Amino acid sequence: MNNQNDSMHTIRSIFEREAEAIRNIPVSEQYDKAIELIYQQVHQKQGKLVVSGMGKAGQIAQNIATTFSSTGTPSVFLHPSDAQHGDLGILAANDVLLLISNSGKTREIMELIDLARNLFPELPLIVITGNCHADISAHSQVCIHTGNPPEVCPLGLTPSTSTTVMTVIGDALMVLMMKKIGFTSADYAKRHHGGYLGHKSREQSKH
């Protein structure tokens, strides 16, 4: 029974710490700047949003890319290591890069910036990071700060709380963009035909 009580206490503590990290994400004008930049490049210049991150941050980047695509803003995930082996060719002049790095110092991300700017020197850059004073921010037009919360991992090492806030920031950007472009259930249904969500969006678009 004591072990069960300890477990329940640990779980509640984790949830509370994660929730507190979300509440403490800095809210700034950087979000509006990011949306304007994405809107300009993707919806006005017909480019795309290219999202990248390494490791666990890369998994969050993939989720952000697919979520943007399903809500009317064409987006792709670019693995920073694969970019060095030809995948950089997916970049086009009117694209915008969204890079995720908790430390702001991820070697592969810094190398990706150099490679991308060598291909398109004026390519705009947005970063999501726990360290807006790191080198990565010096290369960007927009720096969205995560608040740099401590990880709930007992070692303080495994990306956990940091990836939670990255996900929430991605959701915030997605919602802001949906509102800006006036994205509707009918628009959603055209991009998400299958499954429960496809059926639900088609039903909603009828009303």
N, C-alpha and C. Protein backbone atom coordinates (compact mmCIF):
# COMPACT_ATOMS: atom_id res chain seq x y z
N MET A 1 0.83 -1.20 0.00
CA MET A 1 0.00 0.00 0.00
C MET A 1 0.87 1.26 0.00
N ASN A 2 1.95 1.22 0.79
CA ASN A 2 2.84 2.38 0.83
C ASN A 2 3.48 2.63 -0.52
N ASN A 3 3.87 1.53 -1.20
CA ASN A 3 4.46 1.68 -2.53
C ASN A 3 3.48 2.31 -3.50
N GLN A 4 2.20 1.89 -3.37
CA GLN A 4 1.18 2.47 -4.25
C GLN A 4 0.98 3.95 -3.95
N ASN A 5 0.98 4.31 -2.68
CA ASN A 5 0.85 5.72 -2.32
C ASN A 5 2.02 6.54 -2.84
N ASP A 6 3.23 5.98 -2.72
CA ASP A 6 4.41 6.66 -3.24
C ASP A 6 4.30 6.88 -4.75
N SER A 7 3.79 5.83 -5.43
CA SER A 7 3.64 5.93 -6.89
C SER A 7 2.63 7.01 -7.26
N MET A 8 1.50 7.05 -6.57
CA MET A 8 0.48 8.06 -6.85
C MET A 8 1.02 9.46 -6.60
N HIS A 9 1.80 9.61 -5.54
CA HIS A 9 2.39 10.92 -5.22
C HIS A 9 3.37 11.33 -6.32
N THR A 10 4.16 10.39 -6.80
CA THR A 10 5.13 10.69 -7.86
C THR A 10 4.41 11.12 -9.13
N ILE A 11 3.35 10.40 -9.48
CA ILE A 11 2.60 10.72 -10.69
C ILE A 11 1.99 12.12 -10.59
N ARG A 12 1.37 12.42 -9.46
CA ARG A 12 0.77 13.75 -9.28
C ARG A 12 1.83 14.84 -9.36
N SER A 13 2.99 14.57 -8.76
CA SER A 13 4.07 15.54 -8.78
C SER A 13 4.56 15.80 -10.21
N ILE A 14 4.66 14.75 -10.99
CA ILE A 14 5.09 14.89 -12.38
C ILE A 14 4.08 15.74 -13.16
N PHE A 15 2.79 15.42 -12.99
CA PHE A 15 1.76 16.17 -13.70
C PHE A 15 1.77 17.65 -13.30
N GLU A 16 1.96 17.90 -12.01
CA GLU A 16 1.98 19.27 -11.52
C GLU A 16 3.17 20.04 -12.08
N ARG A 17 4.33 19.40 -12.13
CA ARG A 17 5.53 20.06 -12.65
C ARG A 17 5.41 20.33 -14.14
N GLU A 18 4.84 19.38 -14.88
CA GLU A 18 4.65 19.58 -16.32
C GLU A 18 3.66 20.72 -16.56
N ALA A 19 2.57 20.72 -15.81
CA ALA A 19 1.56 21.77 -15.96
C ALA A 19 2.13 23.15 -15.62
N GLU A 20 2.95 23.19 -14.57
CA GLU A 20 3.57 24.45 -14.17
C GLU A 20 4.52 24.96 -15.26
N ALA A 21 5.23 24.03 -15.89
CA ALA A 21 6.13 24.42 -16.98
C ALA A 21 5.35 25.04 -18.14
N ILE A 22 4.19 24.48 -18.44
CA ILE A 22 3.35 25.04 -19.51
C ILE A 22 2.85 26.43 -19.12
N ARG A 23 2.41 26.58 -17.87
CA ARG A 23 1.92 27.90 -17.42
C ARG A 23 3.01 28.96 -17.48
N ASN A 24 4.26 28.53 -17.35
CA ASN A 24 5.39 29.48 -17.30
C ASN A 24 6.06 29.72 -18.65
N ILE A 25 5.49 29.16 -19.73
CA ILE A 25 6.06 29.46 -21.05
C ILE A 25 5.91 30.96 -21.31
N PRO A 26 7.00 31.66 -21.62
CA PRO A 26 6.89 33.10 -21.87
C PRO A 26 5.99 33.39 -23.08
N VAL A 27 5.07 34.31 -22.91
CA VAL A 27 4.19 34.74 -24.01
C VAL A 27 4.68 36.11 -24.47
N SER A 28 5.04 36.20 -25.74
CA SER A 28 5.64 37.44 -26.24
C SER A 28 5.20 37.71 -27.66
N GLU A 29 5.66 38.85 -28.18
CA GLU A 29 5.36 39.23 -29.56
C GLU A 29 6.03 38.32 -30.57
N GLN A 30 6.93 37.47 -30.10
CA GLN A 30 7.62 36.55 -31.01
C GLN A 30 6.65 35.60 -31.71
N TYR A 31 5.56 35.27 -31.04
CA TYR A 31 4.57 34.39 -31.67
C TYR A 31 3.94 35.07 -32.88
N ASP A 32 3.54 36.33 -32.72
CA ASP A 32 2.95 37.07 -33.84
C ASP A 32 3.96 37.24 -34.97
N LYS A 33 5.21 37.47 -34.61
CA LYS A 33 6.25 37.61 -35.63
C LYS A 33 6.43 36.30 -36.41
N ALA A 34 6.40 35.18 -35.68
CA ALA A 34 6.54 33.88 -36.32
C ALA A 34 5.40 33.63 -37.30
N ILE A 35 4.17 33.93 -36.86
CA ILE A 35 3.01 33.71 -37.71
C ILE A 35 3.06 34.59 -38.96
N GLU A 36 3.45 35.84 -38.79
CA GLU A 36 3.56 36.74 -39.95
C GLU A 36 4.59 36.23 -40.95
N LEU A 37 5.70 35.72 -40.42
CA LEU A 37 6.77 35.23 -41.28
C LEU A 37 6.33 33.98 -42.03
N ILE A 38 5.69 33.05 -41.33
CA ILE A 38 5.20 31.84 -41.98
C ILE A 38 4.14 32.18 -43.01
N TYR A 39 3.23 33.09 -42.64
CA TYR A 39 2.16 33.49 -43.56
C TYR A 39 2.74 34.12 -44.83
N GLN A 40 3.70 34.98 -44.64
CA GLN A 40 4.33 35.67 -45.78
C GLN A 40 4.99 34.67 -46.72
N GLN A 41 5.78 33.75 -46.17
CA GLN A 41 6.54 32.82 -47.01
C GLN A 41 5.65 31.73 -47.64
N VAL A 42 4.73 31.20 -46.84
CA VAL A 42 3.95 30.05 -47.31
C VAL A 42 2.69 30.47 -48.06
N HIS A 43 1.92 31.38 -47.47
CA HIS A 43 0.62 31.70 -48.04
C HIS A 43 0.66 32.85 -49.05
N GLN A 44 1.68 33.66 -49.00
CA GLN A 44 1.80 34.73 -49.98
C GLN A 44 2.81 34.41 -51.07
N LYS A 45 3.95 33.81 -50.70
CA LYS A 45 4.99 33.52 -51.67
C LYS A 45 4.98 32.08 -52.16
N GLN A 46 4.01 31.29 -51.65
CA GLN A 46 3.83 29.90 -52.08
C GLN A 46 5.03 29.01 -51.75
N GLY A 47 5.74 29.34 -50.65
CA GLY A 47 6.80 28.46 -50.17
C GLY A 47 6.21 27.43 -49.23
N LYS A 48 7.04 26.89 -48.34
CA LYS A 48 6.56 25.92 -47.36
C LYS A 48 7.31 26.11 -46.05
N LEU A 49 6.74 25.57 -45.00
CA LEU A 49 7.37 25.57 -43.69
C LEU A 49 8.21 24.30 -43.57
N VAL A 50 9.50 24.47 -43.30
CA VAL A 50 10.41 23.33 -43.15
C VAL A 50 10.84 23.28 -41.69
N VAL A 51 10.47 22.21 -41.00
CA VAL A 51 10.71 22.08 -39.57
C VAL A 51 11.79 21.05 -39.32
N SER A 52 12.70 21.36 -38.38
CA SER A 52 13.80 20.44 -38.11
C SER A 52 14.18 20.45 -36.64
N GLY A 53 14.67 19.31 -36.19
CA GLY A 53 15.17 19.16 -34.84
C GLY A 53 15.90 17.84 -34.76
N MET A 54 16.73 17.67 -33.77
CA MET A 54 17.54 16.46 -33.61
C MET A 54 17.07 15.68 -32.39
N GLY A 55 17.06 14.36 -32.49
CA GLY A 55 16.69 13.52 -31.35
C GLY A 55 15.23 13.70 -30.97
N LYS A 56 14.97 13.84 -29.66
CA LYS A 56 13.59 13.99 -29.18
C LYS A 56 12.96 15.26 -29.73
N ALA A 57 13.74 16.33 -29.85
CA ALA A 57 13.22 17.57 -30.43
C ALA A 57 12.81 17.34 -31.88
N GLY A 58 13.51 16.44 -32.56
CA GLY A 58 13.16 16.11 -33.93
C GLY A 58 11.81 15.43 -34.03
N GLN A 59 11.48 14.61 -33.02
CA GLN A 59 10.17 13.97 -33.02
C GLN A 59 9.06 15.00 -32.85
N ILE A 60 9.31 16.00 -32.01
CA ILE A 60 8.35 17.09 -31.86
C ILE A 60 8.24 17.87 -33.17
N ALA A 61 9.36 18.08 -33.83
CA ALA A 61 9.37 18.81 -35.10
C ALA A 61 8.53 18.08 -36.15
N GLN A 62 8.63 16.75 -36.19
CA GLN A 62 7.81 15.98 -37.12
C GLN A 62 6.32 16.19 -36.85
N ASN A 63 5.95 16.18 -35.58
CA ASN A 63 4.56 16.37 -35.22
C ASN A 63 4.07 17.77 -35.62
N ILE A 64 4.90 18.77 -35.39
CA ILE A 64 4.52 20.14 -35.76
C ILE A 64 4.33 20.24 -37.28
N ALA A 65 5.24 19.63 -38.04
CA ALA A 65 5.15 19.70 -39.50
C ALA A 65 3.87 19.06 -40.02
N THR A 66 3.53 17.87 -39.53
CA THR A 66 2.33 17.20 -40.02
C THR A 66 1.07 17.92 -39.57
N THR A 67 1.09 18.52 -38.37
CA THR A 67 -0.07 19.25 -37.88
C THR A 67 -0.31 20.50 -38.71
N PHE A 68 0.74 21.23 -39.05
CA PHE A 68 0.59 22.40 -39.90
C PHE A 68 0.04 22.01 -41.27
N SER A 69 0.57 20.91 -41.83
CA SER A 69 0.10 20.49 -43.16
C SER A 69 -1.39 20.15 -43.15
N SER A 70 -1.85 19.50 -42.09
CA SER A 70 -3.25 19.09 -42.03
C SER A 70 -4.18 20.25 -41.76
N THR A 71 -3.62 21.39 -41.37
CA THR A 71 -4.45 22.56 -41.07
C THR A 71 -4.19 23.72 -42.04
N GLY A 72 -3.76 23.37 -43.25
CA GLY A 72 -3.74 24.35 -44.32
C GLY A 72 -2.45 25.08 -44.60
N THR A 73 -1.37 24.72 -43.88
CA THR A 73 -0.08 25.37 -44.11
C THR A 73 0.95 24.30 -44.51
N PRO A 74 1.23 24.16 -45.80
CA PRO A 74 2.14 23.11 -46.26
C PRO A 74 3.47 23.12 -45.51
N SER A 75 3.83 21.95 -44.98
CA SER A 75 5.02 21.85 -44.14
C SER A 75 5.65 20.48 -44.28
N VAL A 76 6.96 20.42 -44.13
CA VAL A 76 7.68 19.15 -44.18
C VAL A 76 8.70 19.11 -43.05
N PHE A 77 9.07 17.89 -42.65
CA PHE A 77 10.14 17.69 -41.68
C PHE A 77 11.43 17.40 -42.42
N LEU A 78 12.50 18.05 -42.02
CA LEU A 78 13.82 17.82 -42.59
C LEU A 78 14.76 17.36 -41.49
N HIS A 79 15.25 16.13 -41.58
CA HIS A 79 16.19 15.64 -40.57
C HIS A 79 17.53 16.33 -40.77
N PRO A 80 18.09 16.93 -39.72
CA PRO A 80 19.31 17.71 -39.90
C PRO A 80 20.51 16.89 -40.37
N SER A 81 20.56 15.62 -40.00
CA SER A 81 21.67 14.78 -40.48
C SER A 81 21.46 14.38 -41.93
N ASP A 82 20.24 14.01 -42.28
CA ASP A 82 19.96 13.66 -43.67
C ASP A 82 20.14 14.85 -44.60
N ALA A 83 19.98 16.06 -44.06
CA ALA A 83 20.18 17.26 -44.87
C ALA A 83 21.60 17.31 -45.44
N GLN A 84 22.54 16.72 -44.69
CA GLN A 84 23.93 16.73 -45.14
C GLN A 84 24.21 15.68 -46.22
N HIS A 85 23.20 14.86 -46.47
CA HIS A 85 23.37 13.78 -47.45
C HIS A 85 22.34 13.87 -48.57
N GLY A 86 22.01 15.10 -48.94
CA GLY A 86 21.17 15.32 -50.10
C GLY A 86 19.77 15.83 -49.83
N ASP A 87 19.23 15.57 -48.62
CA ASP A 87 17.86 15.99 -48.35
C ASP A 87 17.71 17.50 -48.25
N LEU A 88 18.82 18.21 -48.17
CA LEU A 88 18.77 19.67 -48.16
C LEU A 88 18.11 20.20 -49.42
N GLY A 89 18.11 19.38 -50.46
CA GLY A 89 17.52 19.77 -51.74
C GLY A 89 16.03 20.05 -51.68
N ILE A 90 15.39 19.70 -50.57
CA ILE A 90 13.96 19.99 -50.44
C ILE A 90 13.70 21.48 -50.23
N LEU A 91 14.74 22.22 -49.82
CA LEU A 91 14.59 23.65 -49.57
C LEU A 91 14.41 24.43 -50.87
N ALA A 92 13.55 25.44 -50.80
CA ALA A 92 13.35 26.36 -51.93
C ALA A 92 13.47 27.79 -51.42
N ALA A 93 13.65 28.71 -52.33
CA ALA A 93 13.98 30.09 -51.96
C ALA A 93 12.91 30.76 -51.09
N ASN A 94 11.64 30.40 -51.27
CA ASN A 94 10.57 31.06 -50.54
C ASN A 94 10.14 30.33 -49.27
N ASP A 95 10.89 29.31 -48.88
CA ASP A 95 10.56 28.56 -47.67
C ASP A 95 10.92 29.35 -46.41
N VAL A 96 10.47 28.83 -45.27
CA VAL A 96 10.88 29.36 -43.97
C VAL A 96 11.26 28.18 -43.09
N LEU A 97 12.37 28.30 -42.39
CA LEU A 97 12.86 27.24 -41.51
C LEU A 97 12.37 27.46 -40.08
N LEU A 98 11.86 26.40 -39.46
CA LEU A 98 11.52 26.41 -38.04
C LEU A 98 12.38 25.35 -37.38
N LEU A 99 13.33 25.78 -36.56
CA LEU A 99 14.30 24.87 -35.95
C LEU A 99 14.06 24.77 -34.45
N ILE A 100 14.15 23.54 -33.92
CA ILE A 100 13.91 23.30 -32.51
C ILE A 100 15.17 22.75 -31.86
N SER A 101 15.64 23.43 -30.83
CA SER A 101 16.82 23.00 -30.09
C SER A 101 16.70 23.50 -28.66
N ASN A 102 16.58 22.60 -27.71
CA ASN A 102 16.42 23.02 -26.33
C ASN A 102 17.63 23.81 -25.83
N SER A 103 18.82 23.32 -26.15
CA SER A 103 20.05 23.97 -25.69
C SER A 103 20.38 25.20 -26.52
N GLY A 104 19.89 25.24 -27.76
CA GLY A 104 20.27 26.31 -28.67
C GLY A 104 21.67 26.13 -29.23
N LYS A 105 22.25 24.96 -28.97
CA LYS A 105 23.63 24.71 -29.39
C LYS A 105 23.77 23.40 -30.17
N THR A 106 22.67 22.74 -30.49
CA THR A 106 22.73 21.44 -31.14
C THR A 106 23.59 21.51 -32.40
N ARG A 107 24.65 20.69 -32.42
CA ARG A 107 25.63 20.77 -33.51
C ARG A 107 24.98 20.58 -34.88
N GLU A 108 24.14 19.57 -35.01
CA GLU A 108 23.54 19.28 -36.31
C GLU A 108 22.62 20.40 -36.78
N ILE A 109 21.98 21.08 -35.84
CA ILE A 109 21.11 22.21 -36.20
C ILE A 109 21.94 23.41 -36.63
N MET A 110 23.02 23.67 -35.93
CA MET A 110 23.91 24.77 -36.33
C MET A 110 24.50 24.52 -37.71
N GLU A 111 24.85 23.27 -37.98
CA GLU A 111 25.38 22.93 -39.30
C GLU A 111 24.30 23.08 -40.37
N LEU A 112 23.06 22.73 -40.02
CA LEU A 112 21.96 22.89 -40.97
C LEU A 112 21.75 24.35 -41.34
N ILE A 113 21.88 25.24 -40.36
CA ILE A 113 21.74 26.67 -40.64
C ILE A 113 22.78 27.11 -41.67
N ASP A 114 24.02 26.69 -41.48
CA ASP A 114 25.09 27.06 -42.41
C ASP A 114 24.81 26.51 -43.81
N LEU A 115 24.37 25.27 -43.88
CA LEU A 115 24.10 24.65 -45.17
C LEU A 115 22.93 25.33 -45.88
N ALA A 116 21.88 25.63 -45.12
CA ALA A 116 20.69 26.26 -45.70
C ALA A 116 21.01 27.66 -46.19
N ARG A 117 21.75 28.41 -45.40
CA ARG A 117 22.07 29.79 -45.78
C ARG A 117 23.09 29.81 -46.93
N ASN A 118 23.89 28.77 -47.07
CA ASN A 118 24.78 28.68 -48.22
C ASN A 118 23.99 28.47 -49.50
N LEU A 119 22.86 27.76 -49.36
CA LEU A 119 22.00 27.51 -50.52
C LEU A 119 21.12 28.71 -50.82
N PHE A 120 20.50 29.27 -49.78
CA PHE A 120 19.63 30.43 -49.91
C PHE A 120 19.97 31.42 -48.80
N PRO A 121 20.85 32.37 -49.06
CA PRO A 121 21.34 33.28 -48.00
C PRO A 121 20.24 34.06 -47.28
N GLU A 122 19.11 34.31 -47.93
CA GLU A 122 18.04 35.12 -47.32
C GLU A 122 16.95 34.27 -46.68
N LEU A 123 17.17 32.98 -46.57
CA LEU A 123 16.15 32.10 -46.02
C LEU A 123 15.82 32.49 -44.58
N PRO A 124 14.56 32.85 -44.28
CA PRO A 124 14.20 33.27 -42.93
C PRO A 124 14.17 32.09 -41.96
N LEU A 125 14.43 32.40 -40.70
CA LEU A 125 14.61 31.36 -39.69
C LEU A 125 13.87 31.71 -38.40
N ILE A 126 13.10 30.73 -37.91
CA ILE A 126 12.41 30.81 -36.62
C ILE A 126 12.99 29.70 -35.74
N VAL A 127 13.25 30.00 -34.47
CA VAL A 127 13.76 28.96 -33.58
C VAL A 127 12.88 28.86 -32.34
N ILE A 128 12.74 27.64 -31.85
CA ILE A 128 12.12 27.36 -30.57
C ILE A 128 13.21 26.77 -29.69
N THR A 129 13.52 27.43 -28.58
CA THR A 129 14.67 27.01 -27.79
C THR A 129 14.52 27.40 -26.32
N GLY A 130 15.27 26.71 -25.49
CA GLY A 130 15.31 27.07 -24.08
C GLY A 130 16.39 28.07 -23.78
N ASN A 131 17.11 28.53 -24.82
CA ASN A 131 18.23 29.44 -24.63
C ASN A 131 18.30 30.43 -25.78
N CYS A 132 17.58 31.53 -25.67
CA CYS A 132 17.58 32.54 -26.73
C CYS A 132 18.86 33.37 -26.76
N HIS A 133 19.78 33.10 -25.84
CA HIS A 133 21.07 33.78 -25.85
C HIS A 133 22.14 32.94 -26.54
N ALA A 134 21.78 31.74 -26.94
CA ALA A 134 22.73 30.86 -27.62
C ALA A 134 22.95 31.32 -29.05
N ASP A 135 23.95 30.71 -29.70
CA ASP A 135 24.32 31.10 -31.06
C ASP A 135 23.16 30.98 -32.04
N ILE A 136 22.27 30.01 -31.81
CA ILE A 136 21.19 29.77 -32.77
C ILE A 136 20.32 31.01 -32.94
N SER A 137 20.10 31.76 -31.87
CA SER A 137 19.21 32.92 -31.96
C SER A 137 19.83 34.05 -32.77
N ALA A 138 21.15 34.11 -32.82
CA ALA A 138 21.82 35.16 -33.58
C ALA A 138 21.56 35.03 -35.08
N HIS A 139 21.19 33.83 -35.51
CA HIS A 139 20.93 33.58 -36.93
C HIS A 139 19.46 33.72 -37.29
N SER A 140 18.60 33.96 -36.30
CA SER A 140 17.16 33.87 -36.54
C SER A 140 16.48 35.24 -36.56
N GLN A 141 15.35 35.28 -37.24
CA GLN A 141 14.49 36.47 -37.22
C GLN A 141 13.56 36.43 -36.02
N VAL A 142 13.23 35.22 -35.56
CA VAL A 142 12.30 35.03 -34.45
C VAL A 142 12.85 33.97 -33.50
N CYS A 143 12.82 34.28 -32.20
CA CYS A 143 13.24 33.30 -31.19
C CYS A 143 12.12 33.14 -30.17
N ILE A 144 11.53 31.95 -30.14
CA ILE A 144 10.47 31.64 -29.19
C ILE A 144 11.07 30.85 -28.04
N HIS A 145 10.98 31.42 -26.84
CA HIS A 145 11.62 30.82 -25.66
C HIS A 145 10.67 29.86 -24.98
N THR A 146 11.17 28.69 -24.62
CA THR A 146 10.33 27.67 -23.96
C THR A 146 10.15 27.93 -22.47
N GLY A 147 10.98 28.79 -21.90
CA GLY A 147 10.99 28.98 -20.45
C GLY A 147 12.06 28.11 -19.79
N ASN A 148 12.64 27.20 -20.58
CA ASN A 148 13.74 26.34 -20.12
C ASN A 148 13.41 25.64 -18.79
N PRO A 149 12.31 24.90 -18.73
CA PRO A 149 11.95 24.25 -17.47
C PRO A 149 12.87 23.08 -17.16
N PRO A 150 13.07 22.76 -15.88
CA PRO A 150 13.84 21.56 -15.54
C PRO A 150 13.09 20.32 -15.95
N GLU A 151 13.82 19.30 -16.38
CA GLU A 151 13.19 18.05 -16.80
C GLU A 151 12.65 17.30 -15.58
N VAL A 152 11.53 16.59 -15.77
CA VAL A 152 11.01 15.77 -14.67
C VAL A 152 11.78 14.47 -14.52
N CYS A 153 12.59 14.14 -15.52
CA CYS A 153 13.46 12.97 -15.42
C CYS A 153 14.27 13.05 -14.13
N PRO A 154 14.31 11.98 -13.32
CA PRO A 154 15.04 12.02 -12.05
C PRO A 154 16.51 12.40 -12.19
N LEU A 155 17.07 12.14 -13.38
CA LEU A 155 18.47 12.50 -13.63
C LEU A 155 18.61 13.93 -14.11
N GLY A 156 17.49 14.53 -14.47
CA GLY A 156 17.54 15.88 -15.03
C GLY A 156 18.12 15.92 -16.42
N LEU A 157 18.09 14.78 -17.12
CA LEU A 157 18.74 14.67 -18.42
C LEU A 157 17.78 14.35 -19.56
N THR A 158 16.92 13.37 -19.38
CA THR A 158 16.06 12.90 -20.46
C THR A 158 15.07 13.98 -20.88
N PRO A 159 15.02 14.34 -22.18
CA PRO A 159 14.03 15.32 -22.64
C PRO A 159 12.63 14.84 -22.27
N SER A 160 11.96 15.60 -21.46
CA SER A 160 10.63 15.24 -20.98
C SER A 160 9.80 16.52 -20.86
N THR A 161 10.05 17.31 -19.84
CA THR A 161 9.33 18.57 -19.70
C THR A 161 9.65 19.51 -20.87
N SER A 162 10.87 19.49 -21.33
CA SER A 162 11.26 20.37 -22.45
C SER A 162 10.47 20.02 -23.70
N THR A 163 10.26 18.73 -23.97
CA THR A 163 9.51 18.35 -25.16
C THR A 163 8.01 18.62 -24.99
N THR A 164 7.55 18.59 -23.74
CA THR A 164 6.15 18.94 -23.47
C THR A 164 5.88 20.39 -23.87
N VAL A 165 6.75 21.30 -23.43
CA VAL A 165 6.51 22.72 -23.75
C VAL A 165 6.73 22.99 -25.23
N MET A 166 7.64 22.27 -25.87
CA MET A 166 7.82 22.43 -27.32
C MET A 166 6.54 22.06 -28.06
N THR A 167 5.91 20.98 -27.62
CA THR A 167 4.66 20.54 -28.25
C THR A 167 3.57 21.60 -28.09
N VAL A 168 3.47 22.15 -26.90
CA VAL A 168 2.44 23.16 -26.63
C VAL A 168 2.69 24.42 -27.46
N ILE A 169 3.94 24.81 -27.58
CA ILE A 169 4.28 25.97 -28.41
C ILE A 169 3.88 25.72 -29.87
N GLY A 170 4.16 24.51 -30.35
CA GLY A 170 3.75 24.16 -31.70
C GLY A 170 2.24 24.24 -31.88
N ASP A 171 1.50 23.78 -30.86
CA ASP A 171 0.03 23.87 -30.91
C ASP A 171 -0.43 25.32 -30.96
N ALA A 172 0.21 26.17 -30.18
CA ALA A 172 -0.17 27.59 -30.16
C ALA A 172 0.05 28.22 -31.53
N LEU A 173 1.18 27.93 -32.16
CA LEU A 173 1.45 28.47 -33.49
C LEU A 173 0.44 27.96 -34.50
N MET A 174 0.10 26.69 -34.41
CA MET A 174 -0.86 26.10 -35.32
C MET A 174 -2.23 26.78 -35.21
N VAL A 175 -2.70 26.99 -33.99
CA VAL A 175 -4.00 27.61 -33.78
C VAL A 175 -4.00 29.05 -34.29
N LEU A 176 -2.93 29.79 -34.01
CA LEU A 176 -2.83 31.17 -34.49
C LEU A 176 -2.88 31.23 -36.01
N MET A 177 -2.20 30.28 -36.67
CA MET A 177 -2.20 30.28 -38.13
C MET A 177 -3.56 29.90 -38.68
N MET A 178 -4.24 28.92 -38.07
CA MET A 178 -5.57 28.55 -38.52
C MET A 178 -6.51 29.74 -38.47
N LYS A 179 -6.40 30.53 -37.39
CA LYS A 179 -7.25 31.72 -37.27
C LYS A 179 -6.90 32.76 -38.32
N LYS A 180 -5.62 32.91 -38.60
CA LYS A 180 -5.19 33.94 -39.55
C LYS A 180 -5.68 33.63 -40.96
N ILE A 181 -5.66 32.35 -41.34
CA ILE A 181 -6.05 32.00 -42.71
C ILE A 181 -7.54 31.63 -42.81
N GLY A 182 -8.24 31.66 -41.67
CA GLY A 182 -9.67 31.34 -41.68
C GLY A 182 -9.95 29.90 -42.06
N PHE A 183 -9.16 28.99 -41.53
CA PHE A 183 -9.26 27.57 -41.87
C PHE A 183 -10.55 26.97 -41.30
N THR A 184 -11.32 26.27 -42.15
CA THR A 184 -12.63 25.76 -41.77
C THR A 184 -12.67 24.23 -41.72
N SER A 185 -13.79 23.71 -41.23
CA SER A 185 -13.99 22.25 -41.22
C SER A 185 -13.98 21.69 -42.64
N ALA A 186 -14.54 22.45 -43.58
CA ALA A 186 -14.53 22.01 -44.99
C ALA A 186 -13.11 21.93 -45.52
N ASP A 187 -12.28 22.91 -45.14
CA ASP A 187 -10.87 22.88 -45.54
C ASP A 187 -10.17 21.67 -44.93
N TYR A 188 -10.49 21.40 -43.68
CA TYR A 188 -9.87 20.26 -42.98
C TYR A 188 -10.25 18.95 -43.66
N ALA A 189 -11.52 18.81 -44.01
CA ALA A 189 -12.02 17.58 -44.62
C ALA A 189 -11.30 17.27 -45.94
N LYS A 190 -10.93 18.30 -46.69
CA LYS A 190 -10.24 18.09 -47.96
C LYS A 190 -8.84 17.52 -47.76
N ARG A 191 -8.26 17.74 -46.57
CA ARG A 191 -6.89 17.30 -46.29
C ARG A 191 -6.84 16.06 -45.40
N HIS A 192 -7.97 15.72 -44.80
CA HIS A 192 -8.00 14.61 -43.84
C HIS A 192 -9.24 13.77 -44.13
N HIS A 193 -9.17 12.98 -45.20
CA HIS A 193 -10.36 12.27 -45.65
C HIS A 193 -10.67 11.05 -44.77
N GLY A 194 -9.65 10.34 -44.34
CA GLY A 194 -9.85 9.06 -43.67
C GLY A 194 -10.14 9.17 -42.19
N GLY A 195 -10.68 8.06 -41.65
CA GLY A 195 -10.83 7.91 -40.21
C GLY A 195 -11.93 8.76 -39.59
N TYR A 196 -11.97 8.72 -38.27
CA TYR A 196 -12.99 9.42 -37.50
C TYR A 196 -12.94 10.93 -37.74
N LEU A 197 -11.71 11.50 -37.75
CA LEU A 197 -11.60 12.94 -37.92
C LEU A 197 -12.06 13.38 -39.32
N GLY A 198 -11.79 12.56 -40.31
CA GLY A 198 -12.27 12.88 -41.65
C GLY A 198 -13.79 12.91 -41.70
N HIS A 199 -14.42 11.89 -41.08
CA HIS A 199 -15.88 11.84 -41.03
C HIS A 199 -16.44 13.03 -40.26
N LYS A 200 -15.83 13.33 -39.09
CA LYS A 200 -16.32 14.42 -38.26
C LYS A 200 -16.21 15.76 -38.96
N SER A 201 -15.09 15.98 -39.65
CA SER A 201 -14.90 17.27 -40.33
C SER A 201 -15.90 17.43 -41.48
N ARG A 202 -16.21 16.34 -42.17
CA ARG A 202 -17.19 16.42 -43.27
C ARG A 202 -18.60 16.72 -42.72
N GLU A 203 -18.91 16.12 -41.58
CA GLU A 203 -20.21 16.37 -40.96
C GLU A 203 -20.31 17.82 -40.50
N GLN A 204 -19.23 18.33 -39.89
CA GLN A 204 -19.24 19.71 -39.41
C GLN A 204 -19.37 20.69 -40.56
N SER A 205 -18.76 20.37 -41.69
CA SER A 205 -18.77 21.30 -42.84
C SER A 205 -20.14 21.42 -43.47
N LYS A 206 -21.05 20.48 -43.15
CA LYS A 206 -22.40 20.52 -43.70
C LYS A 206 -23.28 21.54 -42.98
N HIS A 207 -22.86 21.94 -41.77
CA HIS A 207 -23.69 22.81 -40.94
C HIS A 207 -23.22 24.26 -41.04
